[in-house]
Amino acid sequence: MTTNEVFQPDQVYTVTEVAEWLQISNNQVTTLAKRDAWPHMKVGNRLRFTSSQLKEVAEMLNAPAPVPTEPRRKIGSRSRQRRIAD
């Protein structure tokens, strides 16, 4: 493997560019990145996304939604739940 193959630069995108591409607001992009739901990097105090990170985001968005499990039934107050469990 040559050094040219190792150091292929990724294109870097701003929050605004990602928001326009996904047709969502800048705030939504920022929130998802800060919650670590999306891969990103920080340059200074600004969020940036590489093309490989955006490929991961696209895969996450195209993945099927998880099947919800049946929610647990609440039995009543916590003290009652403890009494029933004991």
N, C-alpha and C. Protein backbone atom coordinates (compact mmCIF):
# COMPACT_ATOMS: atom_id res chain seq x y z
N MET A 1 0.86 -1.18 0.00
CA MET A 1 0.00 0.00 0.00
C MET A 1 0.90 1.23 0.00
N THR A 2 0.63 2.15 -0.90
CA THR A 2 1.45 3.36 -0.98
C THR A 2 0.91 4.42 -0.04
N THR A 3 1.74 5.44 0.19
CA THR A 3 1.29 6.53 1.08
C THR A 3 0.13 7.29 0.48
N ASN A 4 0.03 7.35 -0.84
CA ASN A 4 -1.11 8.03 -1.47
C ASN A 4 -2.42 7.31 -1.17
N GLU A 5 -2.36 5.97 -1.10
CA GLU A 5 -3.56 5.21 -0.78
C GLU A 5 -3.96 5.37 0.68
N VAL A 6 -2.98 5.51 1.56
CA VAL A 6 -3.26 5.64 2.99
C VAL A 6 -3.82 7.02 3.31
N PHE A 7 -3.31 8.04 2.70
CA PHE A 7 -3.68 9.41 3.06
C PHE A 7 -4.65 10.05 2.06
N GLN A 8 -5.65 9.30 1.65
CA GLN A 8 -6.68 9.88 0.80
C GLN A 8 -7.56 10.77 1.66
N PRO A 9 -7.61 12.07 1.38
CA PRO A 9 -8.39 12.96 2.25
C PRO A 9 -9.89 12.78 2.02
N ASP A 10 -10.63 12.82 3.12
CA ASP A 10 -12.08 12.83 3.05
C ASP A 10 -12.54 14.27 2.80
N GLN A 11 -13.65 14.39 2.12
CA GLN A 11 -14.28 15.70 1.99
C GLN A 11 -14.88 16.05 3.35
N VAL A 12 -14.76 17.30 3.79
CA VAL A 12 -15.28 17.71 5.09
C VAL A 12 -16.47 18.63 4.86
N TYR A 13 -17.56 18.38 5.60
CA TYR A 13 -18.80 19.13 5.45
C TYR A 13 -19.15 19.85 6.74
N THR A 14 -19.81 20.99 6.59
CA THR A 14 -20.26 21.78 7.74
C THR A 14 -21.65 21.32 8.16
N VAL A 15 -22.10 21.80 9.30
CA VAL A 15 -23.45 21.50 9.80
C VAL A 15 -24.49 21.96 8.78
N THR A 16 -24.31 23.14 8.23
CA THR A 16 -25.26 23.68 7.26
C THR A 16 -25.35 22.81 6.02
N GLU A 17 -24.22 22.34 5.52
CA GLU A 17 -24.23 21.48 4.34
C GLU A 17 -24.93 20.15 4.61
N VAL A 18 -24.69 19.59 5.78
CA VAL A 18 -25.35 18.33 6.14
C VAL A 18 -26.85 18.55 6.30
N ALA A 19 -27.23 19.65 6.93
CA ALA A 19 -28.65 19.95 7.11
C ALA A 19 -29.36 20.12 5.77
N GLU A 20 -28.71 20.79 4.83
CA GLU A 20 -29.32 20.95 3.51
C GLU A 20 -29.44 19.61 2.80
N TRP A 21 -28.41 18.76 2.92
CA TRP A 21 -28.42 17.46 2.27
C TRP A 21 -29.54 16.58 2.81
N LEU A 22 -29.75 16.61 4.13
CA LEU A 22 -30.78 15.79 4.76
C LEU A 22 -32.14 16.47 4.85
N GLN A 23 -32.17 17.74 4.49
CA GLN A 23 -33.39 18.56 4.54
C GLN A 23 -33.96 18.60 5.95
N ILE A 24 -33.08 18.89 6.91
CA ILE A 24 -33.46 19.10 8.30
C ILE A 24 -32.79 20.38 8.77
N SER A 25 -33.12 20.82 9.97
CA SER A 25 -32.56 22.07 10.47
C SER A 25 -31.14 21.89 10.99
N ASN A 26 -30.41 22.99 11.05
CA ASN A 26 -29.06 22.98 11.61
C ASN A 26 -29.09 22.50 13.06
N ASN A 27 -30.11 22.92 13.81
CA ASN A 27 -30.22 22.53 15.22
C ASN A 27 -30.37 21.02 15.37
N GLN A 28 -31.12 20.39 14.48
CA GLN A 28 -31.28 18.94 14.56
C GLN A 28 -29.96 18.22 14.32
N VAL A 29 -29.19 18.69 13.34
CA VAL A 29 -27.89 18.09 13.06
C VAL A 29 -26.98 18.25 14.27
N THR A 30 -26.94 19.46 14.83
CA THR A 30 -26.09 19.74 15.98
C THR A 30 -26.49 18.88 17.17
N THR A 31 -27.78 18.79 17.44
CA THR A 31 -28.27 18.02 18.58
C THR A 31 -27.90 16.55 18.45
N LEU A 32 -28.11 15.97 17.27
CA LEU A 32 -27.80 14.55 17.07
C LEU A 32 -26.30 14.28 17.19
N ALA A 33 -25.49 15.20 16.72
CA ALA A 33 -24.04 15.03 16.84
C ALA A 33 -23.59 15.16 18.29
N LYS A 34 -24.13 16.14 19.00
CA LYS A 34 -23.71 16.35 20.39
C LYS A 34 -24.18 15.22 21.30
N ARG A 35 -25.27 14.56 20.96
CA ARG A 35 -25.75 13.42 21.75
C ARG A 35 -24.99 12.14 21.39
N ASP A 36 -24.03 12.26 20.51
CA ASP A 36 -23.24 11.13 20.02
C ASP A 36 -24.10 10.10 19.29
N ALA A 37 -25.21 10.56 18.72
CA ALA A 37 -26.02 9.67 17.90
C ALA A 37 -25.42 9.56 16.50
N TRP A 38 -24.67 10.57 16.08
CA TRP A 38 -24.03 10.60 14.77
C TRP A 38 -22.54 10.77 14.93
N PRO A 39 -21.76 10.09 14.11
CA PRO A 39 -20.31 10.29 14.14
C PRO A 39 -19.97 11.69 13.62
N HIS A 40 -19.02 12.33 14.24
CA HIS A 40 -18.61 13.67 13.85
C HIS A 40 -17.23 13.94 14.40
N MET A 41 -16.70 15.10 14.07
CA MET A 41 -15.44 15.55 14.66
C MET A 41 -15.57 17.03 14.96
N LYS A 42 -14.75 17.50 15.86
CA LYS A 42 -14.75 18.91 16.19
C LYS A 42 -13.45 19.53 15.69
N VAL A 43 -13.58 20.66 15.05
CA VAL A 43 -12.44 21.45 14.62
C VAL A 43 -12.57 22.76 15.37
N GLY A 44 -11.75 22.93 16.39
CA GLY A 44 -11.94 24.07 17.29
C GLY A 44 -13.22 23.83 18.07
N ASN A 45 -14.15 24.76 17.95
CA ASN A 45 -15.44 24.58 18.62
C ASN A 45 -16.56 24.31 17.61
N ARG A 46 -16.20 23.94 16.40
CA ARG A 46 -17.19 23.72 15.35
C ARG A 46 -17.29 22.24 14.98
N LEU A 47 -18.50 21.80 14.67
CA LEU A 47 -18.73 20.42 14.27
C LEU A 47 -18.47 20.28 12.78
N ARG A 48 -17.81 19.20 12.41
CA ARG A 48 -17.56 18.88 11.02
C ARG A 48 -17.84 17.40 10.79
N PHE A 49 -18.18 17.07 9.56
CA PHE A 49 -18.51 15.70 9.19
C PHE A 49 -17.70 15.33 7.95
N THR A 50 -17.03 14.19 8.00
CA THR A 50 -16.31 13.71 6.83
C THR A 50 -17.26 12.90 5.96
N SER A 51 -16.85 12.66 4.72
CA SER A 51 -17.72 11.89 3.83
C SER A 51 -17.93 10.46 4.34
N SER A 52 -16.90 9.87 4.96
CA SER A 52 -17.10 8.53 5.52
C SER A 52 -18.05 8.55 6.71
N GLN A 53 -18.02 9.61 7.52
CA GLN A 53 -18.96 9.72 8.64
C GLN A 53 -20.38 9.91 8.12
N LEU A 54 -20.54 10.67 7.04
CA LEU A 54 -21.88 10.86 6.46
C LEU A 54 -22.40 9.57 5.84
N LYS A 55 -21.49 8.73 5.35
CA LYS A 55 -21.92 7.43 4.84
C LYS A 55 -22.49 6.59 5.99
N GLU A 56 -21.85 6.66 7.16
CA GLU A 56 -22.37 5.95 8.35
C GLU A 56 -23.74 6.49 8.74
N VAL A 57 -23.90 7.81 8.71
CA VAL A 57 -25.20 8.43 9.04
C VAL A 57 -26.26 7.95 8.07
N ALA A 58 -25.95 7.91 6.78
CA ALA A 58 -26.92 7.45 5.79
C ALA A 58 -27.31 6.00 6.03
N GLU A 59 -26.35 5.16 6.42
CA GLU A 59 -26.66 3.77 6.72
C GLU A 59 -27.56 3.66 7.94
N MET A 60 -27.31 4.51 8.95
CA MET A 60 -28.17 4.49 10.14
C MET A 60 -29.59 4.93 9.79
N LEU A 61 -29.72 5.92 8.92
CA LEU A 61 -31.04 6.42 8.55
C LEU A 61 -31.80 5.41 7.69
N ASN A 62 -31.08 4.60 6.92
CA ASN A 62 -31.73 3.61 6.06
C ASN A 62 -31.95 2.27 6.74
N ALA A 63 -31.42 2.11 7.94
CA ALA A 63 -31.59 0.85 8.66
C ALA A 63 -33.04 0.71 9.11
N PRO A 64 -33.55 -0.52 9.14
CA PRO A 64 -34.93 -0.69 9.61
C PRO A 64 -35.06 -0.34 11.09
N ALA A 65 -36.20 0.18 11.43
CA ALA A 65 -36.45 0.55 12.82
C ALA A 65 -36.53 -0.71 13.68
N PRO A 66 -36.02 -0.65 14.91
CA PRO A 66 -36.11 -1.84 15.77
C PRO A 66 -37.56 -2.13 16.13
N VAL A 67 -37.87 -3.40 16.26
CA VAL A 67 -39.23 -3.81 16.61
C VAL A 67 -39.45 -3.51 18.10
N PRO A 68 -40.49 -2.73 18.41
CA PRO A 68 -40.71 -2.41 19.82
C PRO A 68 -41.13 -3.64 20.61
N THR A 69 -40.64 -3.74 21.81
CA THR A 69 -41.05 -4.84 22.68
C THR A 69 -42.29 -4.40 23.45
N GLU A 70 -42.95 -5.35 24.01
CA GLU A 70 -44.15 -5.04 24.78
C GLU A 70 -43.74 -4.28 26.04
N PRO A 71 -44.36 -3.14 26.30
CA PRO A 71 -43.97 -2.36 27.49
C PRO A 71 -44.36 -3.08 28.77
N ARG A 72 -43.58 -2.85 29.82
CA ARG A 72 -43.90 -3.43 31.13
C ARG A 72 -45.12 -2.77 31.70
N ARG A 73 -45.97 -3.56 32.31
CA ARG A 73 -47.15 -3.00 32.96
C ARG A 73 -46.76 -2.45 34.30
N LYS A 74 -47.28 -1.29 34.62
CA LYS A 74 -47.06 -0.72 35.94
C LYS A 74 -48.14 -1.26 36.86
N ILE A 75 -47.74 -1.61 38.05
CA ILE A 75 -48.67 -2.22 38.99
C ILE A 75 -49.24 -1.18 39.95
N GLY A 76 -48.60 -0.08 40.10
CA GLY A 76 -49.05 0.93 41.04
C GLY A 76 -47.87 1.73 41.53
N SER A 77 -47.95 2.18 42.75
CA SER A 77 -46.86 2.96 43.32
C SER A 77 -45.64 2.07 43.53
N ARG A 78 -44.49 2.70 43.73
CA ARG A 78 -43.26 1.93 43.94
C ARG A 78 -43.34 1.07 45.20
N SER A 79 -43.94 1.62 46.24
CA SER A 79 -44.04 0.82 47.47
C SER A 79 -44.91 -0.42 47.22
N ARG A 80 -45.98 -0.28 46.47
CA ARG A 80 -46.83 -1.43 46.15
C ARG A 80 -46.10 -2.41 45.25
N GLN A 81 -45.31 -1.87 44.30
CA GLN A 81 -44.54 -2.76 43.43
C GLN A 81 -43.55 -3.59 44.24
N ARG A 82 -42.93 -2.96 45.24
CA ARG A 82 -41.97 -3.69 46.10
C ARG A 82 -42.69 -4.78 46.89
N ARG A 83 -43.89 -4.45 47.43
CA ARG A 83 -44.63 -5.43 48.22
C ARG A 83 -45.03 -6.62 47.35
N ILE A 84 -45.45 -6.37 46.12
CA ILE A 84 -45.88 -7.45 45.24
C ILE A 84 -44.69 -8.30 44.82
N ALA A 85 -43.53 -7.67 44.57
CA ALA A 85 -42.33 -8.39 44.14
C ALA A 85 -41.79 -9.27 45.25
N ASP A 86 -41.99 -8.90 46.50
CA ASP A 86 -41.42 -9.67 47.63
C ASP A 86 -42.20 -10.91 47.94
